[in-house]
Amino acid sequence: MHPQKLVDGIDKLVSLPDVCVKVNRLADSPNYSAVGVGEIIAQDTDLSARLLCLVNSAFFGMQAPVDTISRAVTVIGTNELRNLVMATVAARVFTGVPGDLVDMAEFWRYSVTTGVIARDLAGRCRVLHGERLFVMGILHDIGRLVIYLRLAEQARDILLITGGDDSLLAETERDLLGFDHMQVGAELLRKWKLPEGLVAVVGSHHHPLTAGDYRLEASLVHIATVMANGVMNGFSSDEIFNLIDPAVWEISGLTMEDLKSTLKDSPAKVAEVMDLVLSPGARSHSSS
């Protein structure tokens, strides 16, 4: 099975809210307006409330309060807000994932931690529109959820072989399936009509040097995944640094002080963002 075919069949299991479809359609239209995008998002009161809370959070650090979605579009841009919409609804739509394959609470905590760290690193590298990195981090492993939903038995074999070692995951997936979760994630985001940069980074986060024009973004997300995994497993900053590919680290231009400072700041930011990004039921939506 090709990743595209796997994703084509996901609609029966994962259905994007109508608001997402409309926002995507309008954002790609030459006649879109901030007010129009705001009106569409406002149809989903829970989503619009959480987006406004997120944009106004200390994590985003806006200079002045943003009190409407249309204002949020003006401040951070249409594409950035569209990406945030997708990241915010992702936890809603992936329900029914077998509980023996993944702990959804831990999956989203790891994903959010990766997103928070990636955005922080982007700021230290002076990358424009750091919100992109936040969303890239949150969605980087979303292809794994597609595999868990569509190919549960094969996924169990893969997890048995890897023994929980994520460094073996992509290679094992390719051996057993003929493709990996990065390819599946990229196909899903392409189907959702998200920007090519986001697609490219999700499709190469284990091998950021292959990301072409998006090597820096992919490198930052890759480093963020290592740091997030280290945070969740109680590794020291030196242990985390030693797990990062030197070539990837060099592309980032980051320093050891950047890494330590980010690790120090991230727990409070993650705690804030978790409640804003995840809907109340998102942490327990796996099935046994």
C-alpha atoms as a PDB file:
ATOM      1  CA  MET A   1       0.000   0.000   0.000  1.00  0.00           C
ATOM      2  CA  HIS A   2       1.217   3.485  -0.875  1.00  0.00           C
ATOM      3  CA  PRO A   3       1.031   6.220   1.822  1.00  0.00           C
ATOM      4  CA  GLN A   4      -1.341   8.217  -0.377  1.00  0.00           C
ATOM      5  CA  LYS A   5      -3.761   5.300  -0.554  1.00  0.00           C
ATOM      6  CA  LEU A   6      -3.542   4.845   3.211  1.00  0.00           C
ATOM      7  CA  VAL A   7      -4.413   8.506   3.728  1.00  0.00           C
ATOM      8  CA  ASP A   8      -7.178   8.462   1.103  1.00  0.00           C
ATOM      9  CA  GLY A   9      -9.031   5.927   3.221  1.00  0.00           C
ATOM     10  CA  ILE A  10      -8.672   7.855   6.464  1.00  0.00           C
ATOM     11  CA  ASP A  11     -11.748  10.025   5.856  1.00  0.00           C
ATOM     12  CA  LYS A  12     -14.040   7.322   7.231  1.00  0.00           C
ATOM     13  CA  LEU A  13     -12.117   7.353  10.517  1.00  0.00           C
ATOM     14  CA  VAL A  14     -10.854  10.938  10.758  1.00  0.00           C
ATOM     15  CA  SER A  15     -13.181  13.711   9.644  1.00  0.00           C
ATOM     16  CA  LEU A  16     -12.028  17.310   9.798  1.00  0.00           C
ATOM     17  CA  PRO A  17     -14.593  19.711  11.281  1.00  0.00           C
ATOM     18  CA  ASP A  18     -16.434  21.738   8.674  1.00  0.00           C
ATOM     19  CA  VAL A  19     -14.816  24.904   9.988  1.00  0.00           C
ATOM     20  CA  CYS A  20     -11.371  23.584   9.001  1.00  0.00           C
ATOM     21  CA  VAL A  21     -12.483  22.749   5.486  1.00  0.00           C
ATOM     22  CA  LYS A  22     -13.975  26.227   5.085  1.00  0.00           C
ATOM     23  CA  VAL A  23     -10.934  28.013   6.526  1.00  0.00           C
ATOM     24  CA  ASN A  24      -8.635  26.091   4.191  1.00  0.00           C
ATOM     25  CA  ARG A  25     -10.788  26.896   1.201  1.00  0.00           C
ATOM     26  CA  LEU A  26     -11.025  30.597   2.071  1.00  0.00           C
ATOM     27  CA  ALA A  27      -7.325  30.937   2.946  1.00  0.00           C
ATOM     28  CA  ASP A  28      -6.418  29.667  -0.531  1.00  0.00           C
ATOM     29  CA  SER A  29      -8.818  32.103  -2.176  1.00  0.00           C
ATOM     30  CA  PRO A  30      -7.456  35.407  -3.545  1.00  0.00           C
ATOM     31  CA  ASN A  31     -10.573  37.113  -2.182  1.00  0.00           C
ATOM     32  CA  TYR A  32     -10.226  36.098   1.456  1.00  0.00           C
ATOM     33  CA  SER A  33     -10.493  38.638   4.254  1.00  0.00           C
ATOM     34  CA  ALA A  34      -9.513  38.572   7.909  1.00  0.00           C
ATOM     35  CA  VAL A  35     -13.144  39.221   8.818  1.00  0.00           C
ATOM     36  CA  GLY A  36     -14.304  36.322   6.632  1.00  0.00           C
ATOM     37  CA  VAL A  37     -11.843  33.900   8.210  1.00  0.00           C
ATOM     38  CA  GLY A  38     -12.850  35.153  11.656  1.00  0.00           C
ATOM     39  CA  GLU A  39     -16.533  34.632  10.948  1.00  0.00           C
ATOM     40  CA  ILE A  40     -15.924  31.029   9.877  1.00  0.00           C
ATOM     41  CA  ILE A  41     -13.854  30.142  12.934  1.00  0.00           C
ATOM     42  CA  ALA A  42     -16.371  31.882  15.215  1.00  0.00           C
ATOM     43  CA  GLN A  43     -18.942  29.264  14.162  1.00  0.00           C
ATOM     44  CA  ASP A  44     -17.035  26.847  16.415  1.00  0.00           C
ATOM     45  CA  THR A  45     -17.227  28.571  19.786  1.00  0.00           C
ATOM     46  CA  ASP A  46     -14.912  26.135  21.576  1.00  0.00           C
ATOM     47  CA  LEU A  47     -12.247  26.361  18.869  1.00  0.00           C
ATOM     48  CA  SER A  48     -12.410  30.151  18.626  1.00  0.00           C
ATOM     49  CA  ALA A  49     -12.201  30.537  22.417  1.00  0.00           C
ATOM     50  CA  ARG A  50      -9.167  28.261  22.636  1.00  0.00           C
ATOM     51  CA  LEU A  51      -7.436  29.992  19.725  1.00  0.00           C
ATOM     52  CA  LEU A  52      -7.912  33.393  21.331  1.00  0.00           C
ATOM     53  CA  CYS A  53      -6.615  32.072  24.647  1.00  0.00           C
ATOM     54  CA  LEU A  54      -3.599  30.613  22.850  1.00  0.00           C
ATOM     55  CA  VAL A  55      -2.813  33.788  20.917  1.00  0.00           C
ATOM     56  CA  ASN A  56      -3.148  35.854  24.103  1.00  0.00           C
ATOM     57  CA  SER A  57      -1.127  33.458  26.249  1.00  0.00           C
ATOM     58  CA  ALA A  58       2.255  34.299  27.709  1.00  0.00           C
ATOM     59  CA  PHE A  59       3.631  31.665  25.337  1.00  0.00           C
ATOM     60  CA  PHE A  60       2.833  33.850  22.319  1.00  0.00           C
ATOM     61  CA  GLY A  61       3.772  37.079  24.093  1.00  0.00           C
ATOM     62  CA  MET A  62       1.577  39.516  22.165  1.00  0.00           C
ATOM     63  CA  GLN A  63       2.216  43.192  22.937  1.00  0.00           C
ATOM     64  CA  ALA A  64      -1.492  44.003  23.146  1.00  0.00           C
ATOM     65  CA  PRO A  65      -4.597  41.850  23.773  1.00  0.00           C
ATOM     66  CA  VAL A  66      -6.195  40.205  20.723  1.00  0.00           C
ATOM     67  CA  ASP A  67      -9.954  40.132  21.276  1.00  0.00           C
ATOM     68  CA  THR A  68     -11.303  38.787  17.962  1.00  0.00           C
ATOM     69  CA  ILE A  69     -10.286  36.041  15.561  1.00  0.00           C
ATOM     70  CA  SER A  70     -10.187  38.544  12.687  1.00  0.00           C
ATOM     71  CA  ARG A  71      -7.692  40.585  14.709  1.00  0.00           C
ATOM     72  CA  ALA A  72      -5.680  37.419  15.301  1.00  0.00           C
ATOM     73  CA  VAL A  73      -5.583  36.873  11.537  1.00  0.00           C
ATOM     74  CA  THR A  74      -4.288  40.408  11.080  1.00  0.00           C
ATOM     75  CA  VAL A  75      -1.651  40.042  13.797  1.00  0.00           C
ATOM     76  CA  ILE A  76      -0.193  36.610  13.038  1.00  0.00           C
ATOM     77  CA  GLY A  77      -1.334  36.054   9.445  1.00  0.00           C
ATOM     78  CA  THR A  78      -3.871  33.868   7.692  1.00  0.00           C
ATOM     79  CA  ASN A  79      -1.584  30.891   7.059  1.00  0.00           C
ATOM     80  CA  GLU A  80      -0.264  30.926  10.609  1.00  0.00           C
ATOM     81  CA  LEU A  81      -3.789  30.953  12.047  1.00  0.00           C
ATOM     82  CA  ARG A  82      -4.908  28.241   9.637  1.00  0.00           C
ATOM     83  CA  ASN A  83      -1.987  26.115  10.853  1.00  0.00           C
ATOM     84  CA  LEU A  84      -2.965  26.750  14.466  1.00  0.00           C
ATOM     85  CA  VAL A  85      -6.533  25.703  13.685  1.00  0.00           C
ATOM     86  CA  MET A  86      -5.274  22.397  12.310  1.00  0.00           C
ATOM     87  CA  ALA A  87      -2.961  21.782  15.254  1.00  0.00           C
ATOM     88  CA  THR A  88      -5.769  22.589  17.671  1.00  0.00           C
ATOM     89  CA  VAL A  89      -8.335  20.260  16.075  1.00  0.00           C
ATOM     90  CA  ALA A  90      -5.938  17.358  15.450  1.00  0.00           C
ATOM     91  CA  ALA A  91      -6.391  16.001  18.956  1.00  0.00           C
ATOM     92  CA  ARG A  92     -10.166  16.120  18.501  1.00  0.00           C
ATOM     93  CA  VAL A  93     -10.352  14.135  15.300  1.00  0.00           C
ATOM     94  CA  PHE A  94      -7.992  11.261  16.103  1.00  0.00           C
ATOM     95  CA  THR A  95     -10.284   9.195  18.281  1.00  0.00           C
ATOM     96  CA  GLY A  96     -10.545   5.435  18.604  1.00  0.00           C
ATOM     97  CA  VAL A  97      -6.809   4.758  18.389  1.00  0.00           C
ATOM     98  CA  PRO A  98      -6.201   1.372  20.083  1.00  0.00           C
ATOM     99  CA  GLY A  99      -5.004   2.004  23.619  1.00  0.00           C
ATOM    100  CA  ASP A 100      -2.448  -0.809  23.515  1.00  0.00           C
ATOM    101  CA  LEU A 101      -0.639   0.967  20.674  1.00  0.00           C
ATOM    102  CA  VAL A 102      -0.304   4.427  22.159  1.00  0.00           C
ATOM    103  CA  ASP A 103      -1.145   6.411  25.265  1.00  0.00           C
ATOM    104  CA  MET A 104      -2.837   9.391  23.663  1.00  0.00           C
ATOM    105  CA  ALA A 105      -2.208  11.662  26.642  1.00  0.00           C
ATOM    106  CA  GLU A 106       1.526  10.985  26.393  1.00  0.00           C
ATOM    107  CA  PHE A 107       1.467  11.257  22.597  1.00  0.00           C
ATOM    108  CA  TRP A 108      -0.013  14.759  22.690  1.00  0.00           C
ATOM    109  CA  ARG A 109       2.156  15.837  25.621  1.00  0.00           C
ATOM    110  CA  TYR A 110       5.236  14.812  23.647  1.00  0.00           C
ATOM    111  CA  SER A 111       3.893  16.519  20.509  1.00  0.00           C
ATOM    112  CA  VAL A 112       3.052  19.753  22.317  1.00  0.00           C
ATOM    113  CA  THR A 113       6.433  19.714  24.088  1.00  0.00           C
ATOM    114  CA  THR A 114       8.113  19.339  20.703  1.00  0.00           C
ATOM    115  CA  GLY A 115       6.078  22.246  19.317  1.00  0.00           C
ATOM    116  CA  VAL A 116       6.826  24.521  22.268  1.00  0.00           C
ATOM    117  CA  ILE A 117      10.548  23.776  22.098  1.00  0.00           C
ATOM    118  CA  ALA A 118      10.669  24.146  18.299  1.00  0.00           C
ATOM    119  CA  ARG A 119       9.074  27.591  18.474  1.00  0.00           C
ATOM    120  CA  ASP A 120      11.472  28.653  21.219  1.00  0.00           C
ATOM    121  CA  LEU A 121      14.467  27.474  19.189  1.00  0.00           C
ATOM    122  CA  ALA A 122      13.120  29.287  16.123  1.00  0.00           C
ATOM    123  CA  GLY A 123      13.081  32.515  18.120  1.00  0.00           C
ATOM    124  CA  ARG A 124      16.697  31.976  19.158  1.00  0.00           C
ATOM    125  CA  CYS A 125      17.603  31.435  15.490  1.00  0.00           C
ATOM    126  CA  ARG A 126      15.575  34.510  14.481  1.00  0.00           C
ATOM    127  CA  VAL A 127      13.377  32.426  12.187  1.00  0.00           C
ATOM    128  CA  LEU A 128      10.379  34.428  10.999  1.00  0.00           C
ATOM    129  CA  HIS A 129       6.852  33.289  11.886  1.00  0.00           C
ATOM    130  CA  GLY A 130       7.819  30.964  14.721  1.00  0.00           C
ATOM    131  CA  GLU A 131       4.200  29.782  14.910  1.00  0.00           C
ATOM    132  CA  ARG A 132       5.051  27.563  11.937  1.00  0.00           C
ATOM    133  CA  LEU A 133       7.595  25.695  14.035  1.00  0.00           C
ATOM    134  CA  PHE A 134       5.085  25.318  16.859  1.00  0.00           C
ATOM    135  CA  VAL A 135       2.618  23.638  14.500  1.00  0.00           C
ATOM    136  CA  MET A 136       5.310  21.572  12.788  1.00  0.00           C
ATOM    137  CA  GLY A 137       6.316  20.242  16.185  1.00  0.00           C
ATOM    138  CA  ILE A 138       2.781  19.379  17.240  1.00  0.00           C
ATOM    139  CA  LEU A 139       1.998  17.591  13.974  1.00  0.00           C
ATOM    140  CA  HIS A 140       5.374  16.000  13.220  1.00  0.00           C
ATOM    141  CA  ASP A 141       4.347  12.458  14.276  1.00  0.00           C
ATOM    142  CA  ILE A 142       0.737  12.555  13.126  1.00  0.00           C
ATOM    143  CA  GLY A 143       1.475   9.888  10.517  1.00  0.00           C
ATOM    144  CA  ARG A 144       1.909   7.408  13.363  1.00  0.00           C
ATOM    145  CA  LEU A 145      -1.730   7.872  14.335  1.00  0.00           C
ATOM    146  CA  VAL A 146      -2.859   7.144  10.776  1.00  0.00           C
ATOM    147  CA  ILE A 147      -0.875   3.893  10.817  1.00  0.00           C
ATOM    148  CA  TYR A 148      -2.308   2.952  14.221  1.00  0.00           C
ATOM    149  CA  LEU A 149      -5.847   3.502  12.923  1.00  0.00           C
ATOM    150  CA  ARG A 150      -5.508   1.890   9.506  1.00  0.00           C
ATOM    151  CA  LEU A 151      -2.886  -0.812  10.113  1.00  0.00           C
ATOM    152  CA  ALA A 152      -3.231  -1.721  13.779  1.00  0.00           C
ATOM    153  CA  GLU A 153      -1.947  -5.311  13.494  1.00  0.00           C
ATOM    154  CA  GLN A 154       1.144  -4.294  11.540  1.00  0.00           C
ATOM    155  CA  ALA A 155       1.691  -1.450  14.009  1.00  0.00           C
ATOM    156  CA  ARG A 156       1.733  -3.963  16.869  1.00  0.00           C
ATOM    157  CA  ASP A 157       4.426  -5.953  15.071  1.00  0.00           C
ATOM    158  CA  ILE A 158       6.460  -2.777  14.514  1.00  0.00           C
ATOM    159  CA  LEU A 159       6.255  -1.782  18.172  1.00  0.00           C
ATOM    160  CA  LEU A 160       7.240  -5.312  19.216  1.00  0.00           C
ATOM    161  CA  ILE A 161      10.312  -5.216  16.979  1.00  0.00           C
ATOM    162  CA  THR A 162      11.425  -1.722  18.044  1.00  0.00           C
ATOM    163  CA  GLY A 163      10.791  -2.362  21.726  1.00  0.00           C
ATOM    164  CA  GLY A 164       9.867   1.275  22.216  1.00  0.00           C
ATOM    165  CA  ASP A 165      13.100   2.592  20.657  1.00  0.00           C
ATOM    166  CA  ASP A 166      11.891   5.420  18.416  1.00  0.00           C
ATOM    167  CA  SER A 167      15.250   5.612  16.650  1.00  0.00           C
ATOM    168  CA  LEU A 168      14.388   2.253  15.033  1.00  0.00           C
ATOM    169  CA  LEU A 169      10.796   3.169  14.185  1.00  0.00           C
ATOM    170  CA  ALA A 170      11.042   4.662  10.691  1.00  0.00           C
ATOM    171  CA  GLU A 171      13.407   1.966   9.398  1.00  0.00           C
ATOM    172  CA  THR A 172      11.242  -0.810  10.839  1.00  0.00           C
ATOM    173  CA  GLU A 173       8.130   0.732   9.284  1.00  0.00           C
ATOM    174  CA  ARG A 174       9.820   0.822   5.891  1.00  0.00           C
ATOM    175  CA  ASP A 175      10.898  -2.814   6.252  1.00  0.00           C
ATOM    176  CA  LEU A 176       7.400  -4.032   7.160  1.00  0.00           C
ATOM    177  CA  LEU A 177       5.143  -1.578   5.324  1.00  0.00           C
ATOM    178  CA  GLY A 178       7.267  -0.218   2.511  1.00  0.00           C
ATOM    179  CA  PHE A 179       6.909   3.343   3.854  1.00  0.00           C
ATOM    180  CA  ASP A 180       7.202   5.200   7.153  1.00  0.00           C
ATOM    181  CA  HIS A 181       5.130   7.511   9.343  1.00  0.00           C
ATOM    182  CA  MET A 182       6.922  10.580   7.974  1.00  0.00           C
ATOM    183  CA  GLN A 183       5.647   9.845   4.470  1.00  0.00           C
ATOM    184  CA  VAL A 184       2.160   9.148   5.808  1.00  0.00           C
ATOM    185  CA  GLY A 185       2.131  12.363   7.839  1.00  0.00           C
ATOM    186  CA  ALA A 186       3.250  14.399   4.834  1.00  0.00           C
ATOM    187  CA  GLU A 187       0.500  12.867   2.683  1.00  0.00           C
ATOM    188  CA  LEU A 188      -2.119  13.632   5.340  1.00  0.00           C
ATOM    189  CA  LEU A 189      -1.074  17.285   5.648  1.00  0.00           C
ATOM    190  CA  ARG A 190      -1.004  17.576   1.867  1.00  0.00           C
ATOM    191  CA  LYS A 191      -4.545  16.184   1.795  1.00  0.00           C
ATOM    192  CA  TRP A 192      -5.492  18.803   4.408  1.00  0.00           C
ATOM    193  CA  LYS A 193      -4.000  21.425   2.033  1.00  0.00           C
ATOM    194  CA  LEU A 194      -1.485  22.720   4.543  1.00  0.00           C
ATOM    195  CA  PRO A 195       1.566  24.709   3.343  1.00  0.00           C
ATOM    196  CA  GLU A 196       4.360  22.851   1.590  1.00  0.00           C
ATOM    197  CA  GLY A 197       6.905  23.867   4.223  1.00  0.00           C
ATOM    198  CA  LEU A 198       4.864  22.106   6.892  1.00  0.00           C
ATOM    199  CA  VAL A 199       4.485  19.059   4.650  1.00  0.00           C
ATOM    200  CA  ALA A 200       8.239  18.980   3.940  1.00  0.00           C
ATOM    201  CA  VAL A 201       9.263  19.185   7.599  1.00  0.00           C
ATOM    202  CA  VAL A 202       6.797  16.533   8.772  1.00  0.00           C
ATOM    203  CA  GLY A 203       8.014  14.340   5.919  1.00  0.00           C
ATOM    204  CA  SER A 204      11.696  14.622   6.879  1.00  0.00           C
ATOM    205  CA  HIS A 205      11.959  15.243  10.623  1.00  0.00           C
ATOM    206  CA  HIS A 206      14.095  12.127  11.189  1.00  0.00           C
ATOM    207  CA  HIS A 207      16.376  13.135   8.295  1.00  0.00           C
ATOM    208  CA  PRO A 208      16.331  16.961   8.275  1.00  0.00           C
ATOM    209  CA  LEU A 209      19.278  17.275   5.895  1.00  0.00           C
ATOM    210  CA  THR A 210      16.978  15.974   3.132  1.00  0.00           C
ATOM    211  CA  ALA A 211      14.399  18.752   3.583  1.00  0.00           C
ATOM    212  CA  GLY A 212      15.765  20.996   0.811  1.00  0.00           C
ATOM    213  CA  ASP A 213      14.723  24.618   1.279  1.00  0.00           C
ATOM    214  CA  TYR A 214      13.333  23.740   4.704  1.00  0.00           C
ATOM    215  CA  ARG A 215      16.496  22.211   6.170  1.00  0.00           C
ATOM    216  CA  LEU A 216      16.688  24.756   8.982  1.00  0.00           C
ATOM    217  CA  GLU A 217      13.050  24.276  10.014  1.00  0.00           C
ATOM    218  CA  ALA A 218      13.387  20.483   9.799  1.00  0.00           C
ATOM    219  CA  SER A 219      16.598  20.636  11.827  1.00  0.00           C
ATOM    220  CA  LEU A 220      14.917  22.683  14.556  1.00  0.00           C
ATOM    221  CA  VAL A 221      12.003  20.255  14.742  1.00  0.00           C
ATOM    222  CA  HIS A 222      14.420  17.323  14.817  1.00  0.00           C
ATOM    223  CA  ILE A 223      16.366  18.894  17.685  1.00  0.00           C
ATOM    224  CA  ALA A 224      13.063  19.663  19.425  1.00  0.00           C
ATOM    225  CA  THR A 225      12.014  16.000  19.195  1.00  0.00           C
ATOM    226  CA  VAL A 226      15.261  14.903  20.845  1.00  0.00           C
ATOM    227  CA  MET A 227      14.852  17.535  23.549  1.00  0.00           C
ATOM    228  CA  ALA A 228      11.178  16.693  24.137  1.00  0.00           C
ATOM    229  CA  ASN A 229      11.996  13.003  24.461  1.00  0.00           C
ATOM    230  CA  GLY A 230      14.812  13.894  26.836  1.00  0.00           C
ATOM    231  CA  VAL A 231      12.547  16.082  28.964  1.00  0.00           C
ATOM    232  CA  MET A 232       9.935  13.346  29.252  1.00  0.00           C
ATOM    233  CA  ASN A 233      12.571  10.749  30.197  1.00  0.00           C
ATOM    234  CA  GLY A 234      14.455  12.895  32.689  1.00  0.00           C
ATOM    235  CA  PHE A 235      17.691  13.197  30.691  1.00  0.00           C
ATOM    236  CA  SER A 236      20.266  15.844  31.582  1.00  0.00           C
ATOM    237  CA  SER A 237      21.103  18.638  29.133  1.00  0.00           C
ATOM    238  CA  ASP A 238      24.450  16.974  28.370  1.00  0.00           C
ATOM    239  CA  GLU A 239      22.757  13.642  27.650  1.00  0.00           C
ATOM    240  CA  ILE A 240      20.280  15.364  25.326  1.00  0.00           C
ATOM    241  CA  PHE A 241      23.021  17.292  23.521  1.00  0.00           C
ATOM    242  CA  ASN A 242      24.983  14.078  22.902  1.00  0.00           C
ATOM    243  CA  LEU A 243      21.940  12.548  21.168  1.00  0.00           C
ATOM    244  CA  ILE A 244      21.712  15.362  18.589  1.00  0.00           C
ATOM    245  CA  ASP A 245      23.380  14.787  15.217  1.00  0.00           C
ATOM    246  CA  PRO A 246      26.345  17.226  15.058  1.00  0.00           C
ATOM    247  CA  ALA A 247      25.561  18.065  11.423  1.00  0.00           C
ATOM    248  CA  VAL A 248      21.978  18.965  12.320  1.00  0.00           C
ATOM    249  CA  TRP A 249      23.155  21.001  15.306  1.00  0.00           C
ATOM    250  CA  GLU A 250      25.578  22.914  13.076  1.00  0.00           C
ATOM    251  CA  ILE A 251      22.790  23.876  10.657  1.00  0.00           C
ATOM    252  CA  SER A 252      20.772  25.323  13.522  1.00  0.00           C
ATOM    253  CA  GLY A 253      23.550  27.627  14.679  1.00  0.00           C
ATOM    254  CA  LEU A 254      22.383  27.082  18.263  1.00  0.00           C
ATOM    255  CA  THR A 255      24.624  27.045  21.309  1.00  0.00           C
ATOM    256  CA  MET A 256      24.671  24.818  24.372  1.00  0.00           C
ATOM    257  CA  GLU A 257      23.396  27.802  26.349  1.00  0.00           C
ATOM    258  CA  ASP A 258      20.396  28.013  23.990  1.00  0.00           C
ATOM    259  CA  LEU A 259      19.609  24.378  24.694  1.00  0.00           C
ATOM    260  CA  LYS A 260      19.894  24.768  28.460  1.00  0.00           C
ATOM    261  CA  SER A 261      17.821  27.946  28.512  1.00  0.00           C
ATOM    262  CA  THR A 262      15.087  26.362  26.382  1.00  0.00           C
ATOM    263  CA  LEU A 263      14.984  23.288  28.611  1.00  0.00           C
ATOM    264  CA  LYS A 264      14.619  25.534  31.661  1.00  0.00           C
ATOM    265  CA  ASP A 265      11.773  27.579  30.148  1.00  0.00           C
ATOM    266  CA  SER A 266       9.814  24.812  28.422  1.00  0.00           C
ATOM    267  CA  PRO A 267       7.944  23.046  31.290  1.00  0.00           C
ATOM    268  CA  ALA A 268       5.876  26.102  32.250  1.00  0.00           C
ATOM    269  CA  LYS A 269       5.112  26.865  28.607  1.00  0.00           C
ATOM    270  CA  VAL A 270       4.070  23.272  27.909  1.00  0.00           C
ATOM    271  CA  ALA A 271       1.761  23.254  30.911  1.00  0.00           C
ATOM    272  CA  GLU A 272       0.084  26.437  29.660  1.00  0.00           C
ATOM    273  CA  VAL A 273      -0.269  25.300  26.063  1.00  0.00           C
ATOM    274  CA  MET A 274      -1.509  21.760  26.830  1.00  0.00           C
ATOM    275  CA  ASP A 275      -4.808  23.010  28.199  1.00  0.00           C
ATOM    276  CA  LEU A 276      -5.245  25.507  25.368  1.00  0.00           C
ATOM    277  CA  VAL A 277      -4.485  23.170  22.466  1.00  0.00           C
ATOM    278  CA  LEU A 278      -6.152  20.018  23.747  1.00  0.00           C
ATOM    279  CA  SER A 279      -9.869  19.786  24.175  1.00  0.00           C
ATOM    280  CA  PRO A 280     -11.003  18.383  27.546  1.00  0.00           C
ATOM    281  CA  GLY A 281     -11.660  14.905  26.173  1.00  0.00           C
ATOM    282  CA  ALA A 282      -8.619  14.690  23.926  1.00  0.00           C
ATOM    283  CA  ARG A 283      -6.410  13.107  26.568  1.00  0.00           C
ATOM    284  CA  SER A 284      -8.553  10.012  26.966  1.00  0.00           C
ATOM    285  CA  HIS A 285      -9.841   9.330  23.483  1.00  0.00           C
ATOM    286  CA  SER A 286      -8.018   6.071  22.881  1.00  0.00           C
ATOM    287  CA  SER A 287      -9.940   2.816  22.987  1.00  0.00           C
ATOM    288  CA  SER A 288      -8.888  -0.477  24.501  1.00  0.00           C
END
